[in-house]
Amino acid sequence: MLENSLYPGVLECLTAVRDAGVRLAVATSKPEVYARRITAHFGIDDLVEGVYGATLDGTRGAKADVIEHALASLAALPPGPPPREEIVMVGDREHDVLGAAAHGIGCIGVAWGYAVQGELEAAGALRVVATTDELARVLRGE
């Protein structure tokens, strides 16, 4: 579970985006109990408002279900929910794009993940970024 590493530049990207006033959360298909341990281990939990994932019993497993859980949980936090048009998912597979679309949310694809060439575009990603610097610029609205 902890024998992996972050892509180079991810912590700097998250820090820059958060420092620019963008609210961040993690929505993963990994079981939430493990996702929380992983994000704490890598220092991500200090940069996000919440870590949301699947349940161990399978009642919340699909990406769309995880996103629904994250949105509902974040809506209860101050300052309340942002407008849907201001929310964006960042993902590296088509299920991220499709899960976001199920809730009327756009998705920015990242080219350094597990998707095969063209997968994110075919699924309907708003755009695909090649670097963490480019992702930070896009999320800051530059």
N, C-alpha and C. Protein backbone atom coordinates (compact mmCIF):
# COMPACT_ATOMS: atom_id res chain seq x y z
N MET A 1 0.82 -1.19 0.00
CA MET A 1 0.00 0.00 0.00
C MET A 1 0.87 1.26 0.00
N LEU A 2 1.96 1.23 0.72
CA LEU A 2 2.81 2.41 0.79
C LEU A 2 4.09 2.27 -0.01
N GLU A 3 4.19 1.18 -0.76
CA GLU A 3 5.39 0.94 -1.56
C GLU A 3 5.23 1.50 -2.97
N ASN A 4 4.85 2.74 -3.05
CA ASN A 4 4.74 3.43 -4.33
C ASN A 4 5.29 4.83 -4.13
N SER A 5 5.14 5.66 -5.11
CA SER A 5 5.64 7.03 -4.98
C SER A 5 4.74 7.97 -5.74
N LEU A 6 4.83 9.23 -5.40
CA LEU A 6 4.08 10.26 -6.13
C LEU A 6 4.81 10.59 -7.43
N TYR A 7 4.04 10.97 -8.43
CA TYR A 7 4.67 11.47 -9.64
C TYR A 7 5.44 12.74 -9.28
N PRO A 8 6.60 12.94 -9.90
CA PRO A 8 7.37 14.15 -9.62
C PRO A 8 6.53 15.41 -9.88
N GLY A 9 6.59 16.33 -8.93
CA GLY A 9 5.90 17.60 -9.07
C GLY A 9 4.48 17.64 -8.52
N VAL A 10 3.94 16.50 -8.09
CA VAL A 10 2.55 16.47 -7.62
C VAL A 10 2.36 17.31 -6.37
N LEU A 11 3.22 17.15 -5.37
CA LEU A 11 3.05 17.95 -4.14
C LEU A 11 3.18 19.44 -4.41
N GLU A 12 4.12 19.82 -5.26
CA GLU A 12 4.29 21.23 -5.60
C GLU A 12 3.06 21.75 -6.34
N CYS A 13 2.51 20.93 -7.23
CA CYS A 13 1.29 21.31 -7.96
C CYS A 13 0.13 21.52 -7.01
N LEU A 14 -0.10 20.55 -6.13
CA LEU A 14 -1.20 20.67 -5.17
C LEU A 14 -1.03 21.88 -4.26
N THR A 15 0.18 22.11 -3.82
CA THR A 15 0.45 23.26 -2.95
C THR A 15 0.17 24.56 -3.68
N ALA A 16 0.64 24.69 -4.90
CA ALA A 16 0.43 25.92 -5.68
C ALA A 16 -1.05 26.17 -5.94
N VAL A 17 -1.77 25.12 -6.26
CA VAL A 17 -3.21 25.27 -6.54
C VAL A 17 -3.97 25.63 -5.27
N ARG A 18 -3.67 24.94 -4.19
CA ARG A 18 -4.33 25.25 -2.91
C ARG A 18 -4.00 26.67 -2.47
N ASP A 19 -2.74 27.07 -2.60
CA ASP A 19 -2.33 28.42 -2.20
C ASP A 19 -2.99 29.49 -3.05
N ALA A 20 -3.45 29.13 -4.25
CA ALA A 20 -4.17 30.06 -5.11
C ALA A 20 -5.65 30.14 -4.76
N GLY A 21 -6.06 29.38 -3.72
CA GLY A 21 -7.44 29.45 -3.25
C GLY A 21 -8.37 28.40 -3.81
N VAL A 22 -7.82 27.43 -4.53
CA VAL A 22 -8.65 26.36 -5.08
C VAL A 22 -8.86 25.30 -4.00
N ARG A 23 -10.10 24.90 -3.82
CA ARG A 23 -10.41 23.84 -2.86
C ARG A 23 -10.08 22.49 -3.49
N LEU A 24 -9.43 21.62 -2.74
CA LEU A 24 -8.99 20.33 -3.25
C LEU A 24 -9.53 19.20 -2.40
N ALA A 25 -9.82 18.07 -3.06
CA ALA A 25 -10.22 16.86 -2.36
C ALA A 25 -9.74 15.68 -3.21
N VAL A 26 -9.66 14.53 -2.58
CA VAL A 26 -9.31 13.30 -3.28
C VAL A 26 -10.57 12.45 -3.38
N ALA A 27 -10.85 11.96 -4.59
CA ALA A 27 -11.95 11.02 -4.83
C ALA A 27 -11.34 9.84 -5.59
N THR A 28 -11.18 8.73 -4.92
CA THR A 28 -10.48 7.58 -5.50
C THR A 28 -11.32 6.32 -5.42
N SER A 29 -11.08 5.41 -6.34
CA SER A 29 -11.75 4.11 -6.31
C SER A 29 -11.11 3.16 -5.30
N LYS A 30 -9.97 3.55 -4.74
CA LYS A 30 -9.36 2.75 -3.69
C LYS A 30 -10.25 2.81 -2.44
N PRO A 31 -10.23 1.77 -1.63
CA PRO A 31 -11.00 1.84 -0.38
C PRO A 31 -10.58 3.07 0.44
N GLU A 32 -11.57 3.78 0.95
CA GLU A 32 -11.32 5.03 1.66
C GLU A 32 -10.38 4.85 2.84
N VAL A 33 -10.53 3.77 3.58
CA VAL A 33 -9.67 3.55 4.75
C VAL A 33 -8.20 3.48 4.34
N TYR A 34 -7.91 2.89 3.19
CA TYR A 34 -6.53 2.81 2.71
C TYR A 34 -6.11 4.12 2.05
N ALA A 35 -7.01 4.75 1.34
CA ALA A 35 -6.70 6.03 0.69
C ALA A 35 -6.28 7.07 1.72
N ARG A 36 -6.94 7.08 2.86
CA ARG A 36 -6.58 8.03 3.92
C ARG A 36 -5.16 7.77 4.45
N ARG A 37 -4.81 6.50 4.58
CA ARG A 37 -3.45 6.16 5.04
C ARG A 37 -2.41 6.55 4.00
N ILE A 38 -2.73 6.32 2.73
CA ILE A 38 -1.79 6.64 1.65
C ILE A 38 -1.58 8.15 1.55
N THR A 39 -2.67 8.92 1.57
CA THR A 39 -2.52 10.37 1.45
C THR A 39 -1.80 10.96 2.67
N ALA A 40 -2.01 10.39 3.84
CA ALA A 40 -1.29 10.86 5.02
C ALA A 40 0.20 10.53 4.89
N HIS A 41 0.49 9.34 4.43
CA HIS A 41 1.88 8.92 4.27
C HIS A 41 2.66 9.85 3.34
N PHE A 42 2.01 10.28 2.26
CA PHE A 42 2.68 11.12 1.26
C PHE A 42 2.46 12.62 1.46
N GLY A 43 1.82 13.02 2.57
CA GLY A 43 1.65 14.43 2.87
C GLY A 43 0.58 15.13 2.07
N ILE A 44 -0.28 14.37 1.42
CA ILE A 44 -1.35 14.97 0.61
C ILE A 44 -2.52 15.41 1.49
N ASP A 45 -2.78 14.70 2.54
CA ASP A 45 -3.95 15.02 3.36
C ASP A 45 -3.88 16.41 3.98
N ASP A 46 -2.69 16.96 4.11
CA ASP A 46 -2.56 18.34 4.61
C ASP A 46 -2.95 19.37 3.56
N LEU A 47 -3.08 18.94 2.30
CA LEU A 47 -3.35 19.86 1.20
C LEU A 47 -4.79 19.81 0.71
N VAL A 48 -5.56 18.85 1.20
CA VAL A 48 -6.93 18.66 0.71
C VAL A 48 -7.94 18.78 1.83
N GLU A 49 -9.18 19.05 1.45
CA GLU A 49 -10.26 19.17 2.44
C GLU A 49 -10.84 17.83 2.84
N GLY A 50 -10.59 16.80 2.05
CA GLY A 50 -11.11 15.49 2.39
C GLY A 50 -10.57 14.43 1.44
N VAL A 51 -10.61 13.19 1.93
CA VAL A 51 -10.20 12.04 1.13
C VAL A 51 -11.39 11.09 1.10
N TYR A 52 -11.89 10.82 -0.08
CA TYR A 52 -13.10 10.03 -0.25
C TYR A 52 -12.81 8.85 -1.17
N GLY A 53 -13.31 7.68 -0.79
CA GLY A 53 -13.03 6.49 -1.59
C GLY A 53 -14.13 5.47 -1.48
N ALA A 54 -13.82 4.29 -1.98
CA ALA A 54 -14.76 3.18 -1.98
C ALA A 54 -14.90 2.61 -0.56
N THR A 55 -15.94 1.85 -0.37
CA THR A 55 -16.13 1.16 0.90
C THR A 55 -15.61 -0.27 0.77
N LEU A 56 -15.22 -0.84 1.87
CA LEU A 56 -14.72 -2.22 1.86
C LEU A 56 -15.81 -3.23 1.55
N ASP A 57 -17.05 -2.90 1.88
CA ASP A 57 -18.15 -3.85 1.64
C ASP A 57 -18.73 -3.74 0.22
N GLY A 58 -18.18 -2.84 -0.60
CA GLY A 58 -18.62 -2.72 -1.98
C GLY A 58 -19.86 -1.88 -2.21
N THR A 59 -20.42 -1.29 -1.16
CA THR A 59 -21.62 -0.49 -1.35
C THR A 59 -21.33 0.83 -2.06
N ARG A 60 -20.08 1.27 -2.02
CA ARG A 60 -19.65 2.45 -2.78
C ARG A 60 -18.36 2.06 -3.47
N GLY A 61 -18.46 1.73 -4.75
CA GLY A 61 -17.29 1.26 -5.47
C GLY A 61 -17.06 1.94 -6.80
N ALA A 62 -18.14 2.25 -7.49
CA ALA A 62 -18.02 2.91 -8.79
C ALA A 62 -17.54 4.34 -8.59
N LYS A 63 -16.77 4.84 -9.54
CA LYS A 63 -16.21 6.19 -9.42
C LYS A 63 -17.34 7.22 -9.27
N ALA A 64 -18.43 7.06 -10.00
CA ALA A 64 -19.55 8.00 -9.86
C ALA A 64 -20.09 8.02 -8.44
N ASP A 65 -20.13 6.87 -7.78
CA ASP A 65 -20.60 6.79 -6.39
C ASP A 65 -19.64 7.49 -5.44
N VAL A 66 -18.34 7.32 -5.69
CA VAL A 66 -17.33 7.99 -4.85
C VAL A 66 -17.43 9.50 -5.02
N ILE A 67 -17.60 9.95 -6.25
CA ILE A 67 -17.72 11.39 -6.51
C ILE A 67 -18.98 11.94 -5.84
N GLU A 68 -20.08 11.19 -5.90
CA GLU A 68 -21.31 11.62 -5.23
C GLU A 68 -21.07 11.79 -3.73
N HIS A 69 -20.38 10.82 -3.12
CA HIS A 69 -20.04 10.88 -1.69
C HIS A 69 -19.16 12.09 -1.39
N ALA A 70 -18.17 12.34 -2.22
CA ALA A 70 -17.28 13.48 -2.02
C ALA A 70 -18.04 14.79 -2.13
N LEU A 71 -18.87 14.91 -3.14
CA LEU A 71 -19.63 16.16 -3.32
C LEU A 71 -20.55 16.43 -2.14
N ALA A 72 -21.24 15.41 -1.68
CA ALA A 72 -22.15 15.58 -0.54
C ALA A 72 -21.37 15.94 0.72
N SER A 73 -20.23 15.30 0.93
CA SER A 73 -19.43 15.58 2.12
C SER A 73 -18.85 16.99 2.07
N LEU A 74 -18.35 17.40 0.92
CA LEU A 74 -17.77 18.74 0.78
C LEU A 74 -18.83 19.83 0.90
N ALA A 75 -20.04 19.54 0.46
CA ALA A 75 -21.13 20.53 0.54
C ALA A 75 -21.44 20.89 1.98
N ALA A 76 -21.16 19.96 2.90
CA ALA A 76 -21.44 20.19 4.31
C ALA A 76 -20.34 21.00 5.00
N LEU A 77 -19.22 21.20 4.32
CA LEU A 77 -18.11 21.97 4.90
C LEU A 77 -18.21 23.44 4.52
N PRO A 78 -17.78 24.33 5.41
CA PRO A 78 -17.74 25.74 5.03
C PRO A 78 -16.73 25.96 3.92
N PRO A 79 -16.96 26.78 3.00
CA PRO A 79 -18.07 27.73 2.86
C PRO A 79 -19.27 27.17 2.11
N GLY A 80 -19.45 25.88 2.10
CA GLY A 80 -20.56 25.27 1.38
C GLY A 80 -20.12 24.86 -0.02
N PRO A 81 -21.06 24.33 -0.78
CA PRO A 81 -20.70 23.80 -2.09
C PRO A 81 -20.46 24.90 -3.12
N PRO A 82 -19.41 24.74 -3.92
CA PRO A 82 -19.23 25.68 -5.03
C PRO A 82 -20.21 25.33 -6.14
N PRO A 83 -20.48 26.24 -7.04
CA PRO A 83 -21.32 25.91 -8.18
C PRO A 83 -20.72 24.76 -8.99
N ARG A 84 -21.56 23.89 -9.53
CA ARG A 84 -21.06 22.72 -10.27
C ARG A 84 -20.12 23.11 -11.40
N GLU A 85 -20.37 24.24 -12.04
CA GLU A 85 -19.51 24.65 -13.16
C GLU A 85 -18.11 25.04 -12.71
N GLU A 86 -17.90 25.20 -11.40
CA GLU A 86 -16.57 25.51 -10.87
C GLU A 86 -15.84 24.27 -10.36
N ILE A 87 -16.50 23.12 -10.40
CA ILE A 87 -15.90 21.89 -9.91
C ILE A 87 -15.30 21.13 -11.10
N VAL A 88 -14.12 20.58 -10.90
CA VAL A 88 -13.49 19.77 -11.94
C VAL A 88 -12.80 18.58 -11.29
N MET A 89 -12.92 17.45 -11.94
CA MET A 89 -12.23 16.23 -11.53
C MET A 89 -10.91 16.18 -12.28
N VAL A 90 -9.89 15.68 -11.66
CA VAL A 90 -8.62 15.43 -12.34
C VAL A 90 -8.42 13.92 -12.29
N GLY A 91 -8.19 13.33 -13.46
CA GLY A 91 -8.06 11.88 -13.48
C GLY A 91 -7.15 11.37 -14.56
N ASP A 92 -6.82 10.08 -14.43
CA ASP A 92 -5.92 9.48 -15.41
C ASP A 92 -6.53 8.30 -16.16
N ARG A 93 -7.83 8.04 -15.97
CA ARG A 93 -8.51 6.95 -16.68
C ARG A 93 -9.91 7.40 -17.09
N GLU A 94 -10.49 6.66 -18.03
CA GLU A 94 -11.81 7.03 -18.52
C GLU A 94 -12.88 6.98 -17.44
N HIS A 95 -12.74 6.09 -16.45
CA HIS A 95 -13.76 6.02 -15.40
C HIS A 95 -13.79 7.31 -14.58
N ASP A 96 -12.68 8.04 -14.51
CA ASP A 96 -12.67 9.35 -13.85
C ASP A 96 -13.51 10.35 -14.64
N VAL A 97 -13.31 10.35 -15.95
CA VAL A 97 -14.05 11.26 -16.83
C VAL A 97 -15.54 10.93 -16.78
N LEU A 98 -15.87 9.66 -16.90
CA LEU A 98 -17.28 9.24 -16.93
C LEU A 98 -17.95 9.43 -15.57
N GLY A 99 -17.22 9.18 -14.50
CA GLY A 99 -17.78 9.39 -13.16
C GLY A 99 -18.09 10.86 -12.91
N ALA A 100 -17.20 11.73 -13.35
CA ALA A 100 -17.45 13.17 -13.23
C ALA A 100 -18.64 13.59 -14.08
N ALA A 101 -18.70 13.11 -15.30
CA ALA A 101 -19.79 13.47 -16.21
C ALA A 101 -21.15 13.04 -15.65
N ALA A 102 -21.18 11.94 -14.92
CA ALA A 102 -22.44 11.48 -14.32
C ALA A 102 -23.02 12.50 -13.34
N HIS A 103 -22.18 13.43 -12.88
CA HIS A 103 -22.62 14.47 -11.94
C HIS A 103 -22.53 15.87 -12.54
N GLY A 104 -22.38 15.94 -13.85
CA GLY A 104 -22.33 17.23 -14.52
C GLY A 104 -21.04 18.00 -14.27
N ILE A 105 -19.97 17.27 -14.03
CA ILE A 105 -18.68 17.87 -13.72
C ILE A 105 -17.71 17.57 -14.85
N GLY A 106 -16.90 18.55 -15.23
CA GLY A 106 -15.88 18.32 -16.23
C GLY A 106 -14.69 17.59 -15.62
N CYS A 107 -13.85 17.05 -16.49
CA CYS A 107 -12.67 16.32 -16.03
C CYS A 107 -11.45 16.74 -16.85
N ILE A 108 -10.37 17.04 -16.15
CA ILE A 108 -9.08 17.30 -16.77
C ILE A 108 -8.29 15.99 -16.70
N GLY A 109 -7.85 15.50 -17.83
CA GLY A 109 -7.06 14.28 -17.86
C GLY A 109 -5.59 14.59 -17.69
N VAL A 110 -4.86 13.66 -17.08
CA VAL A 110 -3.41 13.80 -16.94
C VAL A 110 -2.75 12.70 -17.77
N ALA A 111 -1.81 13.10 -18.61
CA ALA A 111 -1.18 12.19 -19.55
C ALA A 111 -0.17 11.25 -18.90
N TRP A 112 0.21 11.51 -17.65
CA TRP A 112 1.23 10.68 -17.02
C TRP A 112 0.65 9.49 -16.27
N GLY A 113 -0.63 9.26 -16.36
CA GLY A 113 -1.25 8.15 -15.64
C GLY A 113 -1.30 6.87 -16.45
N TYR A 114 -2.33 6.08 -16.21
CA TYR A 114 -2.44 4.74 -16.78
C TYR A 114 -3.25 4.66 -18.06
N ALA A 115 -3.85 5.74 -18.51
CA ALA A 115 -4.68 5.70 -19.72
C ALA A 115 -3.84 5.41 -20.96
N VAL A 116 -4.44 4.68 -21.88
CA VAL A 116 -3.79 4.48 -23.17
C VAL A 116 -4.03 5.73 -24.01
N GLN A 117 -3.20 5.92 -25.01
CA GLN A 117 -3.29 7.10 -25.87
C GLN A 117 -4.71 7.26 -26.40
N GLY A 118 -5.29 8.44 -26.20
CA GLY A 118 -6.62 8.76 -26.71
C GLY A 118 -7.77 8.38 -25.81
N GLU A 119 -7.51 7.61 -24.75
CA GLU A 119 -8.59 7.14 -23.86
C GLU A 119 -9.33 8.30 -23.19
N LEU A 120 -8.60 9.26 -22.67
CA LEU A 120 -9.22 10.36 -21.93
C LEU A 120 -10.01 11.27 -22.87
N GLU A 121 -9.45 11.54 -24.04
CA GLU A 121 -10.16 12.37 -25.02
C GLU A 121 -11.44 11.69 -25.49
N ALA A 122 -11.35 10.38 -25.76
CA ALA A 122 -12.53 9.64 -26.23
C ALA A 122 -13.62 9.60 -25.17
N ALA A 123 -13.23 9.60 -23.90
CA ALA A 123 -14.21 9.57 -22.81
C ALA A 123 -14.86 10.94 -22.59
N GLY A 124 -14.25 12.01 -23.16
CA GLY A 124 -14.83 13.34 -23.03
C GLY A 124 -14.12 14.29 -22.10
N ALA A 125 -12.85 14.03 -21.80
CA ALA A 125 -12.09 14.96 -20.94
C ALA A 125 -12.10 16.35 -21.56
N LEU A 126 -12.20 17.36 -20.71
CA LEU A 126 -12.18 18.75 -21.18
C LEU A 126 -10.88 19.04 -21.91
N ARG A 127 -9.80 18.51 -21.37
CA ARG A 127 -8.47 18.60 -21.98
C ARG A 127 -7.56 17.62 -21.26
N VAL A 128 -6.43 17.35 -21.86
CA VAL A 128 -5.44 16.47 -21.25
C VAL A 128 -4.15 17.27 -21.11
N VAL A 129 -3.60 17.27 -19.91
CA VAL A 129 -2.37 18.01 -19.64
C VAL A 129 -1.20 17.05 -19.56
N ALA A 130 -0.02 17.53 -19.93
CA ALA A 130 1.15 16.68 -20.00
C ALA A 130 2.05 16.75 -18.78
N THR A 131 1.95 17.84 -18.00
CA THR A 131 2.85 18.02 -16.86
C THR A 131 2.08 18.53 -15.64
N THR A 132 2.70 18.40 -14.48
CA THR A 132 2.08 18.94 -13.27
C THR A 132 2.07 20.47 -13.31
N ASP A 133 3.06 21.09 -13.94
CA ASP A 133 3.06 22.55 -14.07
C ASP A 133 1.88 23.01 -14.91
N GLU A 134 1.60 22.29 -16.00
CA GLU A 134 0.47 22.64 -16.85
C GLU A 134 -0.84 22.43 -16.10
N LEU A 135 -0.93 21.37 -15.33
CA LEU A 135 -2.14 21.12 -14.52
C LEU A 135 -2.36 22.26 -13.54
N ALA A 136 -1.31 22.69 -12.85
CA ALA A 136 -1.45 23.79 -11.89
C ALA A 136 -1.95 25.04 -12.59
N ARG A 137 -1.40 25.35 -13.76
CA ARG A 137 -1.85 26.55 -14.49
C ARG A 137 -3.32 26.45 -14.86
N VAL A 138 -3.73 25.30 -15.35
CA VAL A 138 -5.14 25.10 -15.75
C VAL A 138 -6.06 25.24 -14.54
N LEU A 139 -5.71 24.62 -13.43
CA LEU A 139 -6.58 24.65 -12.26
C LEU A 139 -6.63 26.04 -11.62
N ARG A 140 -5.58 26.83 -11.81
CA ARG A 140 -5.59 28.21 -11.30
C ARG A 140 -6.29 29.14 -12.28
N GLY A 141 -6.71 28.63 -13.43
CA GLY A 141 -7.41 29.46 -14.41
C GLY A 141 -6.51 30.33 -15.25
N GLU A 142 -5.27 29.95 -15.38
CA GLU A 142 -4.32 30.76 -16.16
C GLU A 142 -4.38 30.39 -17.63
